C-alpha atoms as a PDB file:
ATOM      1  CA  UNK A   1     -27.208 -21.190 -41.819  1.00  0.00           C
ATOM      2  CA  UNK A   2     -29.484 -23.299 -44.019  1.00  0.00           C
ATOM      3  CA  UNK A   3     -28.777 -22.769 -47.655  1.00  0.00           C
ATOM      4  CA  UNK A   4     -31.528 -22.897 -50.207  1.00  0.00           C
ATOM      5  CA  UNK A   5     -32.049 -26.212 -52.005  1.00  0.00           C
ATOM      6  CA  UNK A   6     -30.449 -25.066 -55.239  1.00  0.00           C
ATOM      7  CA  UNK A   7     -27.183 -24.245 -53.417  1.00  0.00           C
ATOM      8  CA  UNK A   8     -26.718 -27.553 -51.596  1.00  0.00           C
ATOM      9  CA  UNK A   9     -25.203 -29.671 -54.368  1.00  0.00           C
ATOM     10  CA  UNK A  10     -21.911 -27.874 -54.967  1.00  0.00           C
ATOM     11  CA  UNK A  11     -18.848 -28.075 -52.717  1.00  0.00           C
ATOM     12  CA  UNK A  12     -18.829 -24.322 -52.128  1.00  0.00           C
ATOM     13  CA  UNK A  13     -22.596 -24.197 -51.650  1.00  0.00           C
ATOM     14  CA  UNK A  14     -23.334 -22.229 -54.825  1.00  0.00           C
ATOM     15  CA  UNK A  15     -24.224 -23.961 -58.076  1.00  0.00           C
ATOM     16  CA  UNK A  16     -23.235 -22.540 -61.448  1.00  0.00           C
ATOM     17  CA  UNK A  17     -26.934 -22.395 -62.362  1.00  0.00           C
ATOM     18  CA  UNK A  18     -27.565 -20.226 -59.307  1.00  0.00           C
ATOM     19  CA  UNK A  19     -24.728 -17.869 -60.206  1.00  0.00           C
ATOM     20  CA  UNK A  20     -26.439 -17.142 -63.525  1.00  0.00           C
ATOM     21  CA  UNK A  21     -29.547 -15.889 -61.762  1.00  0.00           C
ATOM     22  CA  UNK A  22     -29.780 -12.138 -61.288  1.00  0.00           C
ATOM     23  CA  UNK A  23     -30.605 -12.583 -57.588  1.00  0.00           C
ATOM     24  CA  UNK A  24     -29.549 -15.439 -55.336  1.00  0.00           C
ATOM     25  CA  UNK A  25     -31.047 -15.949 -51.889  1.00  0.00           C
ATOM     26  CA  UNK A  26     -29.793 -17.837 -48.849  1.00  0.00           C
ATOM     27  CA  UNK A  27     -32.489 -18.905 -46.397  1.00  0.00           C
ATOM     28  CA  UNK A  28     -31.327 -17.787 -42.975  1.00  0.00           C
ATOM     29  CA  UNK A  29     -32.620 -19.503 -39.870  1.00  0.00           C
ATOM     30  CA  UNK A  30     -31.997 -16.651 -37.496  1.00  0.00           C
ATOM     31  CA  UNK A  31     -30.107 -13.365 -37.155  1.00  0.00           C
ATOM     32  CA  UNK A  32     -29.689 -10.660 -34.514  1.00  0.00           C
ATOM     33  CA  UNK A  33     -29.373  -6.883 -34.807  1.00  0.00           C
ATOM     34  CA  UNK A  34     -28.718  -4.011 -32.417  1.00  0.00           C
ATOM     35  CA  UNK A  35     -30.366  -0.630 -31.618  1.00  0.00           C
ATOM     36  CA  UNK A  36     -31.061   1.552 -28.546  1.00  0.00           C
ATOM     37  CA  UNK A  37     -33.508   2.398 -25.757  1.00  0.00           C
ATOM     38  CA  UNK A  38     -34.835   5.984 -25.767  1.00  0.00           C
ATOM     39  CA  UNK A  39     -37.007   6.525 -22.651  1.00  0.00           C
ATOM     40  CA  UNK A  40     -37.621   4.499 -19.481  1.00  0.00           C
ATOM     41  CA  UNK A  41     -40.615   4.812 -17.126  1.00  0.00           C
ATOM     42  CA  UNK A  42     -40.763   2.905 -13.820  1.00  0.00           C
ATOM     43  CA  UNK A  43     -44.391   1.929 -13.054  1.00  0.00           C
ATOM     44  CA  UNK A  44     -45.914  -0.194 -10.276  1.00  0.00           C
ATOM     45  CA  UNK A  45     -45.939  -3.563 -12.073  1.00  0.00           C
ATOM     46  CA  UNK A  46     -43.750  -2.852 -15.092  1.00  0.00           C
ATOM     47  CA  UNK A  47     -40.966  -0.838 -16.621  1.00  0.00           C
ATOM     48  CA  UNK A  48     -41.942   0.696 -19.937  1.00  0.00           C
ATOM     49  CA  UNK A  49     -39.694   2.268 -22.516  1.00  0.00           C
ATOM     50  CA  UNK A  50     -39.690   3.552 -26.080  1.00  0.00           C
ATOM     51  CA  UNK A  51     -36.905   2.080 -28.148  1.00  0.00           C
ATOM     52  CA  UNK A  52     -35.497   2.008 -31.642  1.00  0.00           C
ATOM     53  CA  UNK A  53     -35.460  -1.759 -32.143  1.00  0.00           C
ATOM     54  CA  UNK A  54     -34.128  -1.903 -35.729  1.00  0.00           C
ATOM     55  CA  UNK A  55     -32.848   0.632 -38.222  1.00  0.00           C
ATOM     56  CA  UNK A  56     -31.688   0.889 -41.807  1.00  0.00           C
ATOM     57  CA  UNK A  57     -28.003   0.077 -41.722  1.00  0.00           C
ATOM     58  CA  UNK A  58     -25.104  -1.982 -42.958  1.00  0.00           C
ATOM     59  CA  UNK A  59     -24.020  -4.371 -40.234  1.00  0.00           C
ATOM     60  CA  UNK A  60     -20.811  -6.378 -40.110  1.00  0.00           C
ATOM     61  CA  UNK A  61     -21.440 -10.080 -39.440  1.00  0.00           C
ATOM     62  CA  UNK A  62     -17.907 -11.430 -38.768  1.00  0.00           C
ATOM     63  CA  UNK A  63     -19.199 -14.992 -38.307  1.00  0.00           C
ATOM     64  CA  UNK A  64     -20.503 -14.835 -41.907  1.00  0.00           C
ATOM     65  CA  UNK A  65     -17.582 -12.843 -43.269  1.00  0.00           C
ATOM     66  CA  UNK A  66     -19.975 -10.309 -44.760  1.00  0.00           C
ATOM     67  CA  UNK A  67     -21.387  -6.830 -44.414  1.00  0.00           C
ATOM     68  CA  UNK A  68     -25.146  -7.022 -44.790  1.00  0.00           C
ATOM     69  CA  UNK A  69     -27.609  -4.240 -45.607  1.00  0.00           C
ATOM     70  CA  UNK A  70     -30.992  -3.950 -43.909  1.00  0.00           C
ATOM     71  CA  UNK A  71     -33.066  -1.663 -46.202  1.00  0.00           C
ATOM     72  CA  UNK A  72     -35.707   0.740 -44.900  1.00  0.00           C
ATOM     73  CA  UNK A  73     -38.395  -0.744 -47.166  1.00  0.00           C
ATOM     74  CA  UNK A  74     -37.808  -4.204 -45.675  1.00  0.00           C
ATOM     75  CA  UNK A  75     -38.036  -2.823 -42.137  1.00  0.00           C
ATOM     76  CA  UNK A  76     -41.197  -0.953 -43.030  1.00  0.00           C
ATOM     77  CA  UNK A  77     -42.852  -4.141 -44.271  1.00  0.00           C
ATOM     78  CA  UNK A  78     -41.602  -6.041 -41.168  1.00  0.00           C
ATOM     79  CA  UNK A  79     -42.898  -3.507 -38.627  1.00  0.00           C
ATOM     80  CA  UNK A  80     -46.143  -5.395 -37.957  1.00  0.00           C
ATOM     81  CA  UNK A  81     -44.175  -8.569 -37.073  1.00  0.00           C
ATOM     82  CA  UNK A  82     -42.756  -6.817 -33.989  1.00  0.00           C
ATOM     83  CA  UNK A  83     -46.192  -6.285 -32.412  1.00  0.00           C
ATOM     84  CA  UNK A  84     -46.518  -8.732 -29.514  1.00  0.00           C
ATOM     85  CA  UNK A  85     -42.968 -10.076 -29.904  1.00  0.00           C
ATOM     86  CA  UNK A  86     -41.339 -11.152 -26.655  1.00  0.00           C
ATOM     87  CA  UNK A  87     -38.724  -9.127 -24.796  1.00  0.00           C
ATOM     88  CA  UNK A  88     -35.874 -11.202 -23.372  1.00  0.00           C
ATOM     89  CA  UNK A  89     -32.829 -10.580 -21.179  1.00  0.00           C
ATOM     90  CA  UNK A  90     -30.058 -11.205 -23.677  1.00  0.00           C
ATOM     91  CA  UNK A  91     -30.702 -13.550 -26.583  1.00  0.00           C
ATOM     92  CA  UNK A  92     -32.149 -16.996 -25.843  1.00  0.00           C
ATOM     93  CA  UNK A  93     -29.663 -19.863 -26.042  1.00  0.00           C
ATOM     94  CA  UNK A  94     -31.303 -21.227 -29.167  1.00  0.00           C
ATOM     95  CA  UNK A  95     -31.507 -17.712 -30.695  1.00  0.00           C
ATOM     96  CA  UNK A  96     -35.303 -18.036 -30.747  1.00  0.00           C
ATOM     97  CA  UNK A  97     -37.738 -17.847 -27.823  1.00  0.00           C
ATOM     98  CA  UNK A  98     -38.781 -21.411 -26.985  1.00  0.00           C
ATOM     99  CA  UNK A  99     -39.385 -21.325 -23.225  1.00  0.00           C
ATOM    100  CA  UNK A 100     -41.634 -19.234 -20.967  1.00  0.00           C
ATOM    101  CA  UNK A 101     -38.788 -18.527 -18.525  1.00  0.00           C
ATOM    102  CA  UNK A 102     -36.960 -16.577 -21.272  1.00  0.00           C
ATOM    103  CA  UNK A 103     -39.749 -13.975 -21.497  1.00  0.00           C
ATOM    104  CA  UNK A 104     -39.444 -10.674 -19.604  1.00  0.00           C
ATOM    105  CA  UNK A 105     -42.114  -8.683 -21.433  1.00  0.00           C
ATOM    106  CA  UNK A 106     -43.666  -7.710 -24.757  1.00  0.00           C
ATOM    107  CA  UNK A 107     -43.292  -5.333 -27.685  1.00  0.00           C
ATOM    108  CA  UNK A 108     -46.217  -2.961 -28.227  1.00  0.00           C
ATOM    109  CA  UNK A 109     -47.147  -0.264 -30.751  1.00  0.00           C
ATOM    110  CA  UNK A 110     -44.366  -0.713 -33.319  1.00  0.00           C
ATOM    111  CA  UNK A 111     -44.136   2.104 -35.850  1.00  0.00           C
ATOM    112  CA  UNK A 112     -41.878   2.803 -38.785  1.00  0.00           C
ATOM    113  CA  UNK A 113     -40.176   6.213 -38.412  1.00  0.00           C
ATOM    114  CA  UNK A 114     -37.283   7.673 -40.413  1.00  0.00           C
ATOM    115  CA  UNK A 115     -35.854   4.350 -41.579  1.00  0.00           C
ATOM    116  CA  UNK A 116     -36.306   2.593 -38.223  1.00  0.00           C
ATOM    117  CA  UNK A 117     -38.779   0.490 -36.259  1.00  0.00           C
ATOM    118  CA  UNK A 118     -39.624   2.238 -32.982  1.00  0.00           C
ATOM    119  CA  UNK A 119     -41.732   0.451 -30.354  1.00  0.00           C
ATOM    120  CA  UNK A 120     -42.834   0.423 -26.737  1.00  0.00           C
ATOM    121  CA  UNK A 121     -41.283  -2.318 -24.607  1.00  0.00           C
ATOM    122  CA  UNK A 122     -43.230  -3.438 -21.543  1.00  0.00           C
ATOM    123  CA  UNK A 123     -41.095  -5.334 -19.030  1.00  0.00           C
ATOM    124  CA  UNK A 124     -43.118  -7.128 -16.337  1.00  0.00           C
ATOM    125  CA  UNK A 125     -41.384  -6.761 -12.975  1.00  0.00           C
ATOM    126  CA  UNK A 126     -42.663 -10.153 -11.792  1.00  0.00           C
ATOM    127  CA  UNK A 127     -40.931 -11.826 -14.752  1.00  0.00           C
ATOM    128  CA  UNK A 128     -37.804  -9.682 -14.900  1.00  0.00           C
ATOM    129  CA  UNK A 129     -36.366  -9.812 -11.418  1.00  0.00           C
ATOM    130  CA  UNK A 130     -34.985  -6.987  -9.286  1.00  0.00           C
ATOM    131  CA  UNK A 131     -31.534  -6.767 -10.886  1.00  0.00           C
ATOM    132  CA  UNK A 132     -32.845  -6.349 -14.431  1.00  0.00           C
ATOM    133  CA  UNK A 133     -35.435  -3.771 -13.332  1.00  0.00           C
ATOM    134  CA  UNK A 134     -32.736  -1.799 -11.476  1.00  0.00           C
ATOM    135  CA  UNK A 135     -30.372  -1.940 -14.474  1.00  0.00           C
ATOM    136  CA  UNK A 136     -33.107  -0.579 -16.755  1.00  0.00           C
ATOM    137  CA  UNK A 137     -34.253   2.174 -14.388  1.00  0.00           C
ATOM    138  CA  UNK A 138     -30.681   3.303 -13.628  1.00  0.00           C
ATOM    139  CA  UNK A 139     -29.685   3.297 -17.309  1.00  0.00           C
ATOM    140  CA  UNK A 140     -27.137   0.464 -17.210  1.00  0.00           C
ATOM    141  CA  UNK A 141     -28.979  -1.292 -20.042  1.00  0.00           C
ATOM    142  CA  UNK A 142     -29.231   1.074 -22.987  1.00  0.00           C
ATOM    143  CA  UNK A 143     -29.294  -1.216 -26.011  1.00  0.00           C
ATOM    144  CA  UNK A 144     -31.638  -3.739 -27.547  1.00  0.00           C
ATOM    145  CA  UNK A 145     -30.901  -6.384 -30.136  1.00  0.00           C
ATOM    146  CA  UNK A 146     -33.593  -8.004 -32.248  1.00  0.00           C
ATOM    147  CA  UNK A 147     -33.678 -11.672 -33.090  1.00  0.00           C
ATOM    148  CA  UNK A 148     -35.289 -12.264 -36.472  1.00  0.00           C
ATOM    149  CA  UNK A 149     -35.620 -14.556 -39.448  1.00  0.00           C
ATOM    150  CA  UNK A 150     -34.678 -13.309 -42.894  1.00  0.00           C
ATOM    151  CA  UNK A 151     -33.615 -14.236 -46.376  1.00  0.00           C
ATOM    152  CA  UNK A 152     -30.305 -12.869 -47.577  1.00  0.00           C
ATOM    153  CA  UNK A 153     -29.863 -11.812 -51.150  1.00  0.00           C
ATOM    154  CA  UNK A 154     -26.396 -11.748 -52.689  1.00  0.00           C
ATOM    155  CA  UNK A 155     -26.394  -8.179 -53.909  1.00  0.00           C
ATOM    156  CA  UNK A 156     -23.569  -5.660 -53.639  1.00  0.00           C
ATOM    157  CA  UNK A 157     -23.993  -1.964 -53.057  1.00  0.00           C
ATOM    158  CA  UNK A 158     -23.268   0.947 -50.766  1.00  0.00           C
ATOM    159  CA  UNK A 159     -25.246   2.684 -48.028  1.00  0.00           C
ATOM    160  CA  UNK A 160     -23.918   5.811 -46.291  1.00  0.00           C
ATOM    161  CA  UNK A 161     -20.379   5.218 -47.605  1.00  0.00           C
ATOM    162  CA  UNK A 162     -20.328   1.601 -46.381  1.00  0.00           C
ATOM    163  CA  UNK A 163     -20.170  -1.208 -48.926  1.00  0.00           C
ATOM    164  CA  UNK A 164     -22.167  -4.402 -48.467  1.00  0.00           C
ATOM    165  CA  UNK A 165     -22.278  -7.843 -50.094  1.00  0.00           C
ATOM    166  CA  UNK A 166     -25.768  -9.006 -49.094  1.00  0.00           C
ATOM    167  CA  UNK A 167     -29.239  -7.595 -48.452  1.00  0.00           C
ATOM    168  CA  UNK A 168     -31.736  -8.816 -45.847  1.00  0.00           C
ATOM    169  CA  UNK A 169     -35.232  -9.483 -47.220  1.00  0.00           C
ATOM    170  CA  UNK A 170     -38.519 -10.783 -45.777  1.00  0.00           C
ATOM    171  CA  UNK A 171     -37.657  -9.927 -42.165  1.00  0.00           C
ATOM    172  CA  UNK A 172     -39.795 -11.475 -39.395  1.00  0.00           C
ATOM    173  CA  UNK A 173     -39.047 -10.336 -35.830  1.00  0.00           C
ATOM    174  CA  UNK A 174     -39.061 -13.036 -33.131  1.00  0.00           C
ATOM    175  CA  UNK A 175     -37.916 -11.123 -30.043  1.00  0.00           C
ATOM    176  CA  UNK A 176     -36.199  -8.016 -28.700  1.00  0.00           C
ATOM    177  CA  UNK A 177     -33.302  -8.742 -26.340  1.00  0.00           C
ATOM    178  CA  UNK A 178     -32.332  -6.265 -23.644  1.00  0.00           C
ATOM    179  CA  UNK A 179     -28.609  -5.931 -24.071  1.00  0.00           C
ATOM    180  CA  UNK A 180     -25.827  -4.427 -21.969  1.00  0.00           C
ATOM    181  CA  UNK A 181     -23.928  -1.643 -23.811  1.00  0.00           C
ATOM    182  CA  UNK A 182     -21.679  -3.021 -26.539  1.00  0.00           C
ATOM    183  CA  UNK A 183     -23.298  -6.438 -26.797  1.00  0.00           C
ATOM    184  CA  UNK A 184     -22.900  -7.623 -30.359  1.00  0.00           C
ATOM    185  CA  UNK A 185     -25.841  -9.287 -32.007  1.00  0.00           C
END
């Protein structure tokens, strides 16, 4: 995590001046999130599916020691950033797509529906390999997990009876990872 410049001078990372501000942001390099695949179609050169790739939710990030809210309005404004994003098999080692051999396909036609980003995923068989194609077609891979950049705002609240300590803002989607069931982002 890269903290914003005004937070770097204190031992705990938060200056007293920053605490006086109504809203305090942390610049986040990269985050991941999880959702699910809805439909799968096996075509000649590709496997295509419709998937919920991100949804309004409070997600527990144990590595950060925080529950973080992803608001619908932020997802709505981020929907266009998913168009043309890469699809990967699991998350890339560096959490961001940096090599061609990490790419298995593309995100197409993202739309914002009922508090979620829903999109078509096109997996190219030539790039994916037989095992991945078989796992998708036979339903062994049912989840996706987005990799994205965001800013986190220290702001407490509650969504659907779950309390949170931070809010994700200015979301930019980098990739959608195909994830085996239960893979945590």
